[in-house]
C-alpha cells in the first residue's frame, strides 16, 4: 500500500506541474544556470477607446512594430542583449485620465513613453514624466506650449501648431484669396492655440477675422456660432478641434446654408471626418504634417510590414508613432545606455531617415525640418493639393 501511495503522490505532482498557472500566481524563480534577458519597458499612451480609439490603436501598432523590429535585430547595452517591452495605456483623450495613466506608467518603470494623442493630455502628463526622469515623445500633440516648457526629455515627431497655423493661414489668404474669416475652436490648448495662430497670421496677411468663437470639446451643437457667422458671411471658417467634431461642423455648415469654405485642424485626415460629414465633407481643407503617404521615402515598405502584422486600418499618425519609437530606440543604441538622461542626450543629436523623411530635433525637442501637405476633400476622398518643406518665416 505504501508503494501505491507513493506512486499516486508522484503522479499527482506531475499533474500539478502540467496544470495551467492561475493569473495571480507568482512566476517561478529561474533555475540557477538560466539567465533571463533583461528588458526595457517602453510605454504608449493614447485613446484606445472612444471617438479617437481607431487612431490610438493605429499609433499603438506603429510603436509595437518598431519595438518588434528592434528586438529581432538585437539590442545590446553594456555587452548584454536586451529586449524591449511595450506597455500600452488608454488615456481616453482625457487630460485627467492622462495624468493617472502617466503615473501608472512611471510606476511600471518605463524609461520612455510615446504619447499622448492630444495636446491637452500631453500637457497634463508631461510634468509627471519630467519629475520621474522619463522620456516623452509625442507623435501628434502640436501645442507649442509642450516643448516651450523646455523639459530636456520631451520630443515630438511632427511640427508644432504655430508653424501649422502660419502655413494654413498663408495658404488661405494667398492661394484661396480669402478675405473674411471666422474661427471656431474647442477651448483646448491645441485647438485654441491653432485657431489663434491662424487668425493672427491671416490678419497680418491682410484678411479680416470677423468672428472668433469657442465651443466645448465634447459638443456636437454648433448652431450658436454658426448662426452668428451666417450674419457675417465669411469666405472661410477655420476650426481648431478634433476630427469627429469637424465632421459634425461640416454638416451643420451646409444645413444652415453658409456659403463658406471649411478648413480644419491637423489630425482630421482620415475616415472619422469623412464618415461624420458624408457628402458635406467635399471642399474641406486640412494641412497635415509630412508629405503625402505615397511620397514618403519609406512608405511602401512600412505599409507592407504594418499590414503583415496588424489586421486593422492604418492612420497617418501611425507613421509618426513609429518614428517616435524609432527615435527612442536610436537613442538607446547611440548612448549604449538604459539611462533615460543619457538616451535623451543622444536623441538631441540624432539624425536618421524615417518613414516620412529626415528625423532630427532642435534643443527644445521640436522637429528640425518638418514638411507639410495640404489636402482637400474631392468626391468624399482626401486628395493632396499642395506641399510645403521647412518652417514658415516668422
Protein backbone atom coordinates (compact mmCIF):
# COMPACT_ATOMS: atom_id res chain seq x y z
CA UNK A 1 0.00 0.00 0.00
CA UNK A 2 2.85 2.40 0.75
CA UNK A 3 4.25 1.83 -2.75
CA UNK A 4 0.86 2.58 -4.27
CA UNK A 5 0.53 5.72 -2.14
CA UNK A 6 3.99 6.93 -3.24
CA UNK A 7 3.12 6.24 -6.89
CA UNK A 8 -0.15 8.20 -6.60
CA UNK A 9 1.68 11.09 -4.96
CA UNK A 10 4.24 11.18 -7.77
CA UNK A 11 1.53 11.13 -10.43
CA UNK A 12 -0.31 13.94 -8.64
CA UNK A 13 2.87 16.03 -8.54
CA UNK A 14 3.43 15.55 -12.26
CA UNK A 15 -0.17 16.52 -13.00
CA UNK A 16 0.21 19.66 -10.91
CA UNK A 17 3.34 20.71 -12.82
CA UNK A 18 1.45 20.41 -16.10
CA UNK A 19 -1.64 22.32 -14.91
CA UNK A 20 -2.13 25.95 -16.05
CA UNK A 21 -0.88 28.54 -13.56
CA UNK A 22 -3.51 30.91 -12.19
CA UNK A 23 -3.28 34.54 -13.33
CA UNK A 24 -2.49 35.65 -9.77
CA UNK A 25 0.30 33.12 -9.22
CA UNK A 26 3.85 34.43 -8.87
CA UNK A 27 6.31 33.31 -11.58
CA UNK A 28 8.69 30.55 -10.60
CA UNK A 29 12.24 31.57 -9.76
CA UNK A 30 14.61 30.89 -12.66
CA UNK A 31 16.93 27.91 -12.42
CA UNK A 32 20.39 28.82 -11.15
CA UNK A 33 22.04 28.22 -14.52
CA UNK A 34 19.41 30.13 -16.54
CA UNK A 35 19.93 33.82 -17.33
CA UNK A 36 16.89 35.97 -18.05
CA UNK A 37 17.21 38.51 -20.89
CA UNK A 38 16.92 41.96 -19.30
CA UNK A 39 14.08 44.13 -20.62
CA UNK A 40 13.41 47.82 -21.05
CA UNK A 41 9.80 48.94 -20.80
CA UNK A 42 8.52 51.50 -23.33
CA UNK A 43 5.08 53.00 -22.76
CA UNK A 44 2.39 54.02 -25.19
CA UNK A 45 -0.37 56.37 -24.04
CA UNK A 46 -3.29 57.43 -26.20
CA UNK A 47 -7.01 56.93 -26.81
CA UNK A 48 -7.72 53.22 -27.24
CA UNK A 49 -11.46 53.72 -26.81
CA UNK A 50 -13.98 56.42 -27.70
CA UNK A 51 -14.22 58.55 -30.88
CA UNK A 52 -10.44 58.58 -31.43
CA UNK A 53 -9.91 54.94 -30.48
CA UNK A 54 -9.08 53.77 -34.00
CA UNK A 55 -6.37 56.44 -34.33
CA UNK A 56 -4.93 55.48 -30.95
CA UNK A 57 -4.87 51.79 -31.80
CA UNK A 58 -3.14 52.53 -35.11
CA UNK A 59 -0.47 54.56 -33.31
CA UNK A 60 -0.01 51.78 -30.75
CA UNK A 61 0.51 49.34 -33.61
CA UNK A 62 3.18 51.62 -35.08
CA UNK A 63 5.07 51.59 -31.78
CA UNK A 64 4.67 47.83 -31.40
CA UNK A 65 6.07 47.31 -34.90
CA UNK A 66 9.16 49.42 -34.14
CA UNK A 67 9.86 47.52 -30.91
CA UNK A 68 9.35 44.12 -32.53
CA UNK A 69 11.76 45.01 -35.33
CA UNK A 70 14.36 46.23 -32.84
CA UNK A 71 14.05 43.00 -30.84
CA UNK A 72 14.54 40.88 -33.95
CA UNK A 73 17.58 42.93 -34.96
CA UNK A 74 19.02 42.73 -31.45
CA UNK A 75 19.77 45.42 -28.89
CA UNK A 76 22.95 45.37 -26.83
CA UNK A 77 23.73 47.56 -23.84
CA UNK A 78 26.90 47.13 -21.82
CA UNK A 79 27.81 43.96 -23.68
CA UNK A 80 24.46 42.29 -22.90
CA UNK A 81 21.44 41.62 -25.09
CA UNK A 82 18.26 43.42 -24.07
CA UNK A 83 14.63 43.16 -25.12
CA UNK A 84 12.10 45.98 -25.45
CA UNK A 85 8.63 45.54 -23.97
CA UNK A 86 5.57 47.67 -24.72
CA UNK A 87 3.14 48.76 -22.01
CA UNK A 88 0.06 50.42 -23.58
CA UNK A 89 -2.46 52.51 -21.65
CA UNK A 90 -5.78 54.10 -22.68
CA UNK A 91 -5.98 57.79 -21.72
CA UNK A 92 -9.40 58.22 -23.43
CA UNK A 93 -8.15 61.55 -24.83
CA UNK A 94 -8.97 62.99 -21.40
CA UNK A 95 -6.39 65.11 -19.52
CA UNK A 96 -7.36 63.85 -16.05
CA UNK A 97 -7.12 60.24 -17.21
CA UNK A 98 -3.83 61.04 -18.94
CA UNK A 99 -2.26 62.20 -15.68
CA UNK A 100 -3.39 58.98 -13.98
CA UNK A 101 -2.03 56.93 -16.90
CA UNK A 102 1.30 58.74 -16.70
CA UNK A 103 1.62 57.90 -13.01
CA UNK A 104 0.80 54.27 -13.77
CA UNK A 105 3.45 54.05 -16.49
CA UNK A 106 6.04 55.63 -14.20
CA UNK A 107 5.20 53.07 -11.51
CA UNK A 108 5.75 50.32 -14.09
CA UNK A 109 9.26 51.72 -14.61
CA UNK A 110 9.07 52.70 -18.25
CA UNK A 111 12.11 54.58 -19.49
CA UNK A 112 10.19 56.37 -22.26
CA UNK A 113 6.63 56.94 -23.45
CA UNK A 114 5.25 57.51 -26.93
CA UNK A 115 2.24 59.77 -26.38
CA UNK A 116 -0.13 61.35 -25.92
CA UNK A 117 -2.60 61.95 -28.81
CA UNK A 118 -3.88 65.41 -27.90
CA UNK A 119 -2.08 68.47 -26.61
CA UNK A 120 -4.30 68.61 -23.52
CA UNK A 121 -3.43 65.07 -22.49
CA UNK A 122 0.26 65.55 -23.32
CA UNK A 123 0.46 68.72 -21.24
CA UNK A 124 -1.27 67.03 -18.31
CA UNK A 125 1.12 64.07 -18.39
CA UNK A 126 4.35 65.95 -19.10
CA UNK A 127 5.12 67.11 -15.52
CA UNK A 128 4.66 63.55 -14.25
CA UNK A 129 7.17 62.17 -16.76
CA UNK A 130 9.54 65.09 -16.15
CA UNK A 131 9.64 64.55 -12.37
CA UNK A 132 10.28 60.83 -12.90
CA UNK A 133 13.01 61.39 -15.48
CA UNK A 134 11.04 59.59 -18.21
CA UNK A 135 11.39 60.48 -21.91
CA UNK A 136 8.18 61.63 -23.65
CA UNK A 137 7.91 61.61 -27.45
CA UNK A 138 4.55 62.67 -28.88
CA UNK A 139 3.63 61.70 -32.43
CA UNK A 140 0.62 64.00 -32.57
CA UNK A 141 0.36 66.71 -29.88
CA UNK A 142 1.10 70.03 -31.56
CA UNK A 143 0.70 72.71 -28.88
CA UNK A 144 3.73 74.98 -28.81
CA UNK A 145 3.38 75.08 -25.02
CA UNK A 146 4.57 71.48 -24.74
CA UNK A 147 8.14 71.97 -25.97
CA UNK A 148 8.21 75.57 -24.69
CA UNK A 149 8.34 74.11 -21.16
CA UNK A 150 11.96 73.24 -22.03
CA UNK A 151 11.86 69.83 -20.36
CA UNK A 152 15.04 68.13 -21.62
CA UNK A 153 13.33 64.79 -22.26
CA UNK A 154 10.35 65.98 -24.40
CA UNK A 155 10.32 65.48 -28.17
CA UNK A 156 7.81 65.40 -30.99
CA UNK A 157 7.96 63.86 -34.46
CA UNK A 158 5.60 66.39 -36.07
CA UNK A 159 5.64 70.22 -36.36
CA UNK A 160 4.05 72.41 -33.69
CA UNK A 161 0.77 74.29 -34.12
CA UNK A 162 2.45 77.68 -34.59
CA UNK A 163 4.09 76.58 -37.84
CA UNK A 164 0.95 74.77 -38.99
CA UNK A 165 -1.24 77.77 -38.17
CA UNK A 166 1.02 80.15 -40.09
CA UNK A 167 1.22 77.95 -43.18
CA UNK A 168 -2.51 77.17 -43.21
CA UNK A 169 -3.40 80.86 -42.93
CA UNK A 170 -0.92 81.80 -45.63
CA UNK A 171 -2.47 79.26 -47.99
CA UNK A 172 -5.98 80.51 -47.20
CA UNK A 173 -5.13 84.15 -47.89
CA UNK A 174 -2.62 83.84 -50.72
CA UNK A 175 -3.85 80.79 -52.63
CA UNK A 176 -7.59 80.81 -51.89
CA UNK A 177 -7.77 84.62 -51.82
CA UNK A 178 -9.75 84.53 -48.59
CA UNK A 179 -10.71 87.98 -47.33
CA UNK A 180 -13.06 87.34 -44.38
CA UNK A 181 -12.60 84.59 -41.80
CA UNK A 182 -14.43 83.17 -38.80
CA UNK A 183 -12.60 80.88 -36.36
CA UNK A 184 -14.18 78.31 -34.06
CA UNK A 185 -12.11 76.39 -31.50
CA UNK A 186 -12.72 73.69 -28.89
CA UNK A 187 -11.07 75.59 -25.99
CA UNK A 188 -8.25 73.01 -25.73
CA UNK A 189 -4.56 74.04 -25.79
CA UNK A 190 -4.28 72.55 -29.28
CA UNK A 191 -7.49 73.84 -30.86
CA UNK A 192 -7.46 77.28 -29.30
CA UNK A 193 -3.75 77.80 -29.87
CA UNK A 194 -4.05 76.77 -33.51
CA UNK A 195 -7.07 79.00 -34.16
CA UNK A 196 -5.34 81.98 -32.54
CA UNK A 197 -2.20 81.49 -34.64
CA UNK A 198 -4.29 81.09 -37.80
CA UNK A 199 -6.23 84.30 -37.06
CA UNK A 200 -3.06 86.24 -36.21
CA UNK A 201 -1.29 85.24 -39.42
CA UNK A 202 -4.36 85.80 -41.58
CA UNK A 203 -4.72 89.33 -40.17
CA UNK A 204 -1.04 90.04 -40.82
CA UNK A 205 -1.55 89.00 -44.43
CA UNK A 206 -4.46 91.35 -44.94
CA UNK A 207 -7.52 89.19 -44.29
CA UNK A 208 -10.20 90.27 -41.82
CA UNK A 209 -11.10 87.98 -38.95
CA UNK A 210 -14.74 88.95 -38.46
CA UNK A 211 -15.65 86.49 -35.70
CA UNK A 212 -14.00 84.22 -33.13
CA UNK A 213 -16.00 81.61 -31.23
CA UNK A 214 -15.30 78.77 -28.80
CA UNK A 215 -17.28 75.61 -28.04
CA UNK A 216 -16.83 72.64 -25.72
CA UNK A 217 -14.58 69.88 -26.99
CA UNK A 218 -17.45 67.46 -26.25
CA UNK A 219 -20.27 69.27 -28.07
CA UNK A 220 -21.97 68.36 -31.32
CA UNK A 221 -24.06 71.56 -31.32
CA UNK A 222 -22.56 74.33 -33.46
CA UNK A 223 -25.79 76.25 -34.01
CA UNK A 224 -24.95 79.29 -31.87
CA UNK A 225 -21.60 80.22 -33.51
CA UNK A 226 -22.81 79.31 -36.99
CA UNK A 227 -25.96 81.41 -36.75
CA UNK A 228 -23.77 84.35 -35.78
CA UNK A 229 -21.32 83.53 -38.56
CA UNK A 230 -24.12 83.43 -41.11
CA UNK A 231 -24.79 87.11 -40.46
CA UNK A 232 -21.11 87.88 -41.13
CA UNK A 233 -20.94 85.92 -44.42
CA UNK A 234 -17.28 84.85 -44.12
CA UNK A 235 -15.32 83.38 -47.03
CA UNK A 236 -13.83 80.71 -44.78
CA UNK A 237 -14.47 79.07 -41.42
CA UNK A 238 -11.41 77.70 -39.62
CA UNK A 239 -11.99 75.04 -36.95
CA UNK A 240 -9.48 74.18 -34.22
CA UNK A 241 -10.51 70.81 -32.79
CA UNK A 242 -10.67 67.05 -33.32
CA UNK A 243 -11.78 65.13 -36.41
CA UNK A 244 -15.20 63.89 -35.30
CA UNK A 245 -16.30 67.40 -34.26
CA UNK A 246 -15.03 68.77 -37.55
CA UNK A 247 -17.27 66.29 -39.36
CA UNK A 248 -20.31 67.40 -37.36
CA UNK A 249 -19.40 71.02 -38.07
CA UNK A 250 -19.18 70.38 -41.83
CA UNK A 251 -22.73 69.00 -41.87
CA UNK A 252 -24.02 71.93 -39.79
CA UNK A 253 -22.45 74.48 -42.15
CA UNK A 254 -24.31 73.02 -45.12
CA UNK A 255 -27.53 72.54 -43.18
CA UNK A 256 -27.57 76.22 -42.20
CA UNK A 257 -26.70 77.19 -45.79
CA UNK A 258 -23.46 79.04 -45.06
CA UNK A 259 -21.52 79.63 -48.25
CA UNK A 260 -18.13 79.40 -46.57
CA UNK A 261 -15.17 77.13 -47.17
CA UNK A 262 -14.17 74.95 -44.20
CA UNK A 263 -10.57 74.46 -43.12
CA UNK A 264 -9.97 72.05 -40.25
CA UNK A 265 -7.18 71.05 -37.88
CA UNK A 266 -4.34 68.60 -38.41
CA UNK A 267 -5.38 65.14 -37.31
CA UNK A 268 -8.59 65.33 -39.36
CA UNK A 269 -7.20 63.47 -42.36
CA UNK A 270 -8.81 60.05 -42.35
CA UNK A 271 -12.13 58.23 -42.14
CA UNK A 272 -13.75 59.69 -38.95
CA UNK A 273 -14.22 63.13 -40.53
CA UNK A 274 -15.49 61.67 -43.82
CA UNK A 275 -17.91 59.35 -42.02
CA UNK A 276 -19.38 62.14 -39.86
CA UNK A 277 -19.56 64.69 -42.67
CA UNK A 278 -20.69 62.49 -45.55
CA UNK A 279 -21.13 64.43 -48.83
CA UNK A 280 -20.83 67.71 -46.88
CA UNK A 281 -17.12 66.98 -46.49
CA UNK A 282 -16.45 67.97 -50.09
CA UNK A 283 -14.37 71.13 -50.38
CA UNK A 284 -12.98 70.91 -46.82
CA UNK A 285 -9.25 71.52 -46.41
CA UNK A 286 -6.65 70.41 -43.89
CA UNK A 287 -2.91 70.98 -43.53
CA UNK A 288 -1.24 67.84 -42.17
CA UNK A 289 2.37 67.11 -41.19
CA UNK A 290 4.57 65.12 -43.54
CA UNK A 291 4.48 64.51 -47.28
CA UNK A 292 1.61 62.55 -48.87
CA UNK A 293 1.90 58.91 -47.93
CA UNK A 294 2.84 57.73 -51.40
CA UNK A 295 5.65 60.32 -51.43
CA UNK A 296 7.12 59.26 -48.08
CA UNK A 297 10.55 57.66 -48.64
CA UNK A 298 9.76 54.60 -46.52
CA UNK A 299 6.00 54.38 -47.07
CA UNK A 300 5.74 51.31 -49.30
CA UNK A 301 7.85 49.12 -47.03
CA UNK A 302 6.19 50.43 -43.86
CA UNK A 303 2.69 49.82 -45.20
CA UNK A 304 3.60 46.24 -46.14
CA UNK A 305 5.13 45.46 -42.75
CA UNK A 306 2.19 47.04 -40.95
CA UNK A 307 -0.40 45.06 -42.93
CA UNK A 308 1.53 41.83 -42.37
CA UNK A 309 1.39 42.33 -38.59
CA UNK A 310 -1.94 44.01 -37.90
CA UNK A 311 -5.46 43.38 -39.12
CA UNK A 312 -6.66 46.97 -38.80
CA UNK A 313 -6.73 50.23 -40.73
CA UNK A 314 -3.61 52.37 -40.61
CA UNK A 315 -3.97 56.04 -39.75
CA UNK A 316 -1.47 58.66 -40.94
CA UNK A 317 -0.26 59.16 -37.36
CA UNK A 318 0.87 55.53 -37.10
CA UNK A 319 3.87 56.69 -39.16
CA UNK A 320 4.79 59.39 -36.64
CA UNK A 321 4.27 56.98 -33.71
CA UNK A 322 6.60 54.50 -35.40
CA UNK A 323 9.17 57.28 -35.87
CA UNK A 324 8.78 58.32 -32.23
CA UNK A 325 9.59 54.77 -31.12
CA UNK A 326 12.46 54.65 -33.62
CA UNK A 327 13.90 57.85 -32.13
CA UNK A 328 13.89 56.25 -28.66
CA UNK A 329 15.50 53.07 -29.99
CA UNK A 330 18.15 55.04 -31.88
CA UNK A 331 18.85 57.00 -28.71
CA UNK A 332 19.36 53.76 -26.76
CA UNK A 333 21.71 52.41 -29.42
CA UNK A 334 23.76 55.59 -29.73
CA UNK A 335 24.04 56.17 -25.98
CA UNK A 336 24.70 52.49 -25.23
CA UNK A 337 22.71 53.04 -22.07
CA UNK A 338 19.39 52.29 -20.38
CA UNK A 339 19.54 55.60 -18.51
CA UNK A 340 16.81 57.98 -19.84
CA UNK A 341 19.01 61.02 -19.27
CA UNK A 342 21.80 59.66 -21.46
CA UNK A 343 19.30 58.39 -24.04
CA UNK A 344 17.67 61.84 -24.24
CA UNK A 345 21.06 63.49 -24.69
CA UNK A 346 21.73 61.17 -27.62
CA UNK A 347 18.28 61.86 -29.09
CA UNK A 348 19.07 65.57 -29.27
CA UNK A 349 21.99 64.66 -31.55
CA UNK A 350 20.06 62.20 -33.70
CA UNK A 351 19.55 62.43 -37.41
CA UNK A 352 18.07 59.44 -39.22
CA UNK A 353 15.87 58.72 -42.22
CA UNK A 354 12.38 57.92 -41.01
CA UNK A 355 9.38 56.68 -42.95
CA UNK A 356 8.25 60.26 -43.66
CA UNK A 357 11.72 61.76 -44.15
CA UNK A 358 14.64 63.01 -42.03
CA UNK A 359 14.10 62.97 -38.26
CA UNK A 360 16.14 65.32 -36.08
CA UNK A 361 15.30 67.58 -33.14
CA UNK A 362 16.23 71.07 -32.01
CA UNK A 363 17.24 71.97 -28.46
CA UNK A 364 13.61 72.10 -27.33
CA UNK A 365 12.77 68.74 -28.89
CA UNK A 366 10.81 70.07 -31.88
CA UNK A 367 11.30 68.60 -35.34
CA UNK A 368 14.08 70.43 -37.19
CA UNK A 369 12.99 70.22 -40.84
CA UNK A 370 9.29 69.40 -40.99
CA UNK A 371 7.26 69.04 -44.14
CA UNK A 372 3.55 69.63 -44.69
CA UNK A 373 0.78 68.69 -47.11
CA UNK A 374 -2.50 70.49 -47.80
CA UNK A 375 -5.37 68.11 -48.53
CA UNK A 376 -8.83 68.77 -49.95
CA UNK A 377 -11.88 66.51 -49.94
CA UNK A 378 -12.94 65.75 -53.51
CA UNK A 379 -15.67 63.20 -54.19
CA UNK A 380 -15.57 62.34 -50.48
CA UNK A 381 -11.89 61.41 -50.60
CA UNK A 382 -8.88 63.27 -49.24
CA UNK A 383 -6.53 64.34 -52.02
CA UNK A 384 -3.23 66.26 -51.70
CA UNK A 385 -3.27 69.69 -53.37
CA UNK A 386 -0.09 71.42 -52.12
CA UNK A 387 3.20 70.63 -50.35
CA UNK A 388 5.50 72.70 -48.14
CA UNK A 389 9.00 72.00 -46.82
CA UNK A 390 10.74 73.64 -43.88
CA UNK A 391 9.43 76.01 -41.25
CA UNK A 392 7.47 79.10 -42.34
CA UNK A 393 9.03 82.52 -41.92
CA UNK A 394 8.20 84.26 -38.66
